[in-house]
Amino acid sequence: PYTSGGAYINKMSDHCGDCEFDPKKRVGDDACPFTAGYWAFTHRHRDMLARNNRTRRAVSSMDRLGDLEAVLEQESARDRF
């Protein structure tokens, strides 16, 4: 299994070209659901991910996000993708 945010998907593929969402944004009407969803997933599975050497960095990065609460609130209310 693999997870990634919108910026990585944008960098490694051509899927973001015509998309209405901004892969660099986590919060807002035009925030990429992959970017915000990545952080919501990381938060939800924090304990498991923190125990793994390869995924520990994602948890550490998440802990530095200043807008994490806003991201989590937005993702819990998301009604479209």
C-alpha atoms as a PDB file:
ATOM      1  CA  PRO A   1       0.000   0.000   0.000  1.00  0.00           C
ATOM      2  CA  TYR A   2       1.084   3.536  -0.660  1.00  0.00           C
ATOM      3  CA  THR A   3      -0.204   6.956   0.304  1.00  0.00           C
ATOM      4  CA  SER A   4       0.731  10.350  -1.027  1.00  0.00           C
ATOM      5  CA  GLY A   5      -0.450  13.914  -1.065  1.00  0.00           C
ATOM      6  CA  GLY A   6      -1.491  15.966  -4.041  1.00  0.00           C
ATOM      7  CA  ALA A   7       1.889  17.633  -4.561  1.00  0.00           C
ATOM      8  CA  TYR A   8       3.545  14.244  -5.085  1.00  0.00           C
ATOM      9  CA  ILE A   9       0.787  13.086  -7.421  1.00  0.00           C
ATOM     10  CA  ASN A  10       1.142  16.342  -9.362  1.00  0.00           C
ATOM     11  CA  LYS A  11       4.918  15.957  -9.580  1.00  0.00           C
ATOM     12  CA  MET A  12       4.929  12.300 -10.598  1.00  0.00           C
ATOM     13  CA  SER A  13       1.939  12.199 -12.961  1.00  0.00           C
ATOM     14  CA  ASP A  14      -0.226  14.258 -15.274  1.00  0.00           C
ATOM     15  CA  HIS A  15      -3.473  13.702 -13.343  1.00  0.00           C
ATOM     16  CA  CYS A  16      -3.646  17.221 -11.903  1.00  0.00           C
ATOM     17  CA  GLY A  17      -3.581  19.137 -15.185  1.00  0.00           C
ATOM     18  CA  ASP A  18      -7.296  19.872 -15.544  1.00  0.00           C
ATOM     19  CA  CYS A  19      -8.248  19.454 -11.898  1.00  0.00           C
ATOM     20  CA  GLU A  20     -10.091  22.235 -10.103  1.00  0.00           C
ATOM     21  CA  PHE A  21      -8.160  21.571  -6.883  1.00  0.00           C
ATOM     22  CA  ASP A  22      -4.734  22.975  -5.955  1.00  0.00           C
ATOM     23  CA  PRO A  23      -2.363  20.167  -4.891  1.00  0.00           C
ATOM     24  CA  LYS A  24      -0.346  22.623  -2.777  1.00  0.00           C
ATOM     25  CA  LYS A  25      -3.325  23.616  -0.607  1.00  0.00           C
ATOM     26  CA  ARG A  26      -4.532  21.701   2.439  1.00  0.00           C
ATOM     27  CA  VAL A  27      -7.449  23.915   3.470  1.00  0.00           C
ATOM     28  CA  GLY A  28     -10.085  25.791   1.489  1.00  0.00           C
ATOM     29  CA  ASP A  29     -12.624  25.221  -1.249  1.00  0.00           C
ATOM     30  CA  ASP A  30      -9.895  24.551  -3.786  1.00  0.00           C
ATOM     31  CA  ALA A  31      -7.709  22.440  -1.469  1.00  0.00           C
ATOM     32  CA  CYS A  32      -6.684  19.134  -2.981  1.00  0.00           C
ATOM     33  CA  PRO A  33      -8.567  16.232  -1.373  1.00  0.00           C
ATOM     34  CA  PHE A  34      -5.473  14.044  -1.770  1.00  0.00           C
ATOM     35  CA  THR A  35      -3.308  16.519   0.136  1.00  0.00           C
ATOM     36  CA  ALA A  36      -5.764  17.047   2.990  1.00  0.00           C
ATOM     37  CA  GLY A  37      -6.797  13.392   2.907  1.00  0.00           C
ATOM     38  CA  TYR A  38      -3.171  12.314   3.258  1.00  0.00           C
ATOM     39  CA  TRP A  39      -2.816  14.291   6.481  1.00  0.00           C
ATOM     40  CA  ALA A  40      -6.181  13.080   7.793  1.00  0.00           C
ATOM     41  CA  PHE A  41      -5.115   9.478   7.080  1.00  0.00           C
ATOM     42  CA  THR A  42      -1.759  10.049   8.772  1.00  0.00           C
ATOM     43  CA  HIS A  43      -3.512  11.504  11.816  1.00  0.00           C
ATOM     44  CA  ARG A  44      -6.036   8.668  11.999  1.00  0.00           C
ATOM     45  CA  HIS A  45      -3.283   6.011  11.853  1.00  0.00           C
ATOM     46  CA  ARG A  46      -0.666   7.991  13.760  1.00  0.00           C
ATOM     47  CA  ASP A  47       0.232   5.327  16.337  1.00  0.00           C
ATOM     48  CA  MET A  48       0.804   2.606  13.771  1.00  0.00           C
ATOM     49  CA  LEU A  49       2.730   4.879  11.391  1.00  0.00           C
ATOM     50  CA  ALA A  50       4.953   6.237  14.177  1.00  0.00           C
ATOM     51  CA  ARG A  51       6.190   2.711  14.950  1.00  0.00           C
ATOM     52  CA  ASN A  52       7.462   2.131  11.422  1.00  0.00           C
ATOM     53  CA  ASN A  53      10.833   3.577  10.397  1.00  0.00           C
ATOM     54  CA  ARG A  54       9.654   4.334   6.856  1.00  0.00           C
ATOM     55  CA  THR A  55       6.476   6.166   7.884  1.00  0.00           C
ATOM     56  CA  ARG A  56       7.663   7.863  11.070  1.00  0.00           C
ATOM     57  CA  ARG A  57       8.743  10.927   9.077  1.00  0.00           C
ATOM     58  CA  ALA A  58       5.164  11.539   7.890  1.00  0.00           C
ATOM     59  CA  VAL A  59       3.963  11.650  11.507  1.00  0.00           C
ATOM     60  CA  SER A  60       6.790  14.007  12.417  1.00  0.00           C
ATOM     61  CA  SER A  61       5.917  16.284   9.486  1.00  0.00           C
ATOM     62  CA  MET A  62       2.246  16.204  10.447  1.00  0.00           C
ATOM     63  CA  ASP A  63       3.120  17.315  13.972  1.00  0.00           C
ATOM     64  CA  ARG A  64       4.643  20.491  12.517  1.00  0.00           C
ATOM     65  CA  LEU A  65       1.548  21.507  10.520  1.00  0.00           C
ATOM     66  CA  GLY A  66       0.096  24.724  11.869  1.00  0.00           C
ATOM     67  CA  ASP A  67      -3.287  24.105  10.261  1.00  0.00           C
ATOM     68  CA  LEU A  68      -3.780  20.435  11.185  1.00  0.00           C
ATOM     69  CA  GLU A  69      -6.987  21.042  13.152  1.00  0.00           C
ATOM     70  CA  ALA A  70      -8.477  22.932  10.202  1.00  0.00           C
ATOM     71  CA  VAL A  71      -7.447  20.117   7.840  1.00  0.00           C
ATOM     72  CA  LEU A  72      -9.049  17.479  10.065  1.00  0.00           C
ATOM     73  CA  GLU A  73     -12.242  19.499  10.452  1.00  0.00           C
ATOM     74  CA  GLN A  74     -12.460  20.068   6.713  1.00  0.00           C
ATOM     75  CA  GLU A  75     -11.896  16.400   5.896  1.00  0.00           C
ATOM     76  CA  SER A  76     -14.495  15.196   8.390  1.00  0.00           C
ATOM     77  CA  ALA A  77     -17.043  17.459   6.679  1.00  0.00           C
ATOM     78  CA  ARG A  78     -15.972  16.753   3.071  1.00  0.00           C
ATOM     79  CA  ASP A  79     -18.979  15.733   0.997  1.00  0.00           C
ATOM     80  CA  ARG A  80     -17.382  15.589  -2.434  1.00  0.00           C
ATOM     81  CA  PHE A  81     -14.188  14.477  -4.019  1.00  0.00           C
END
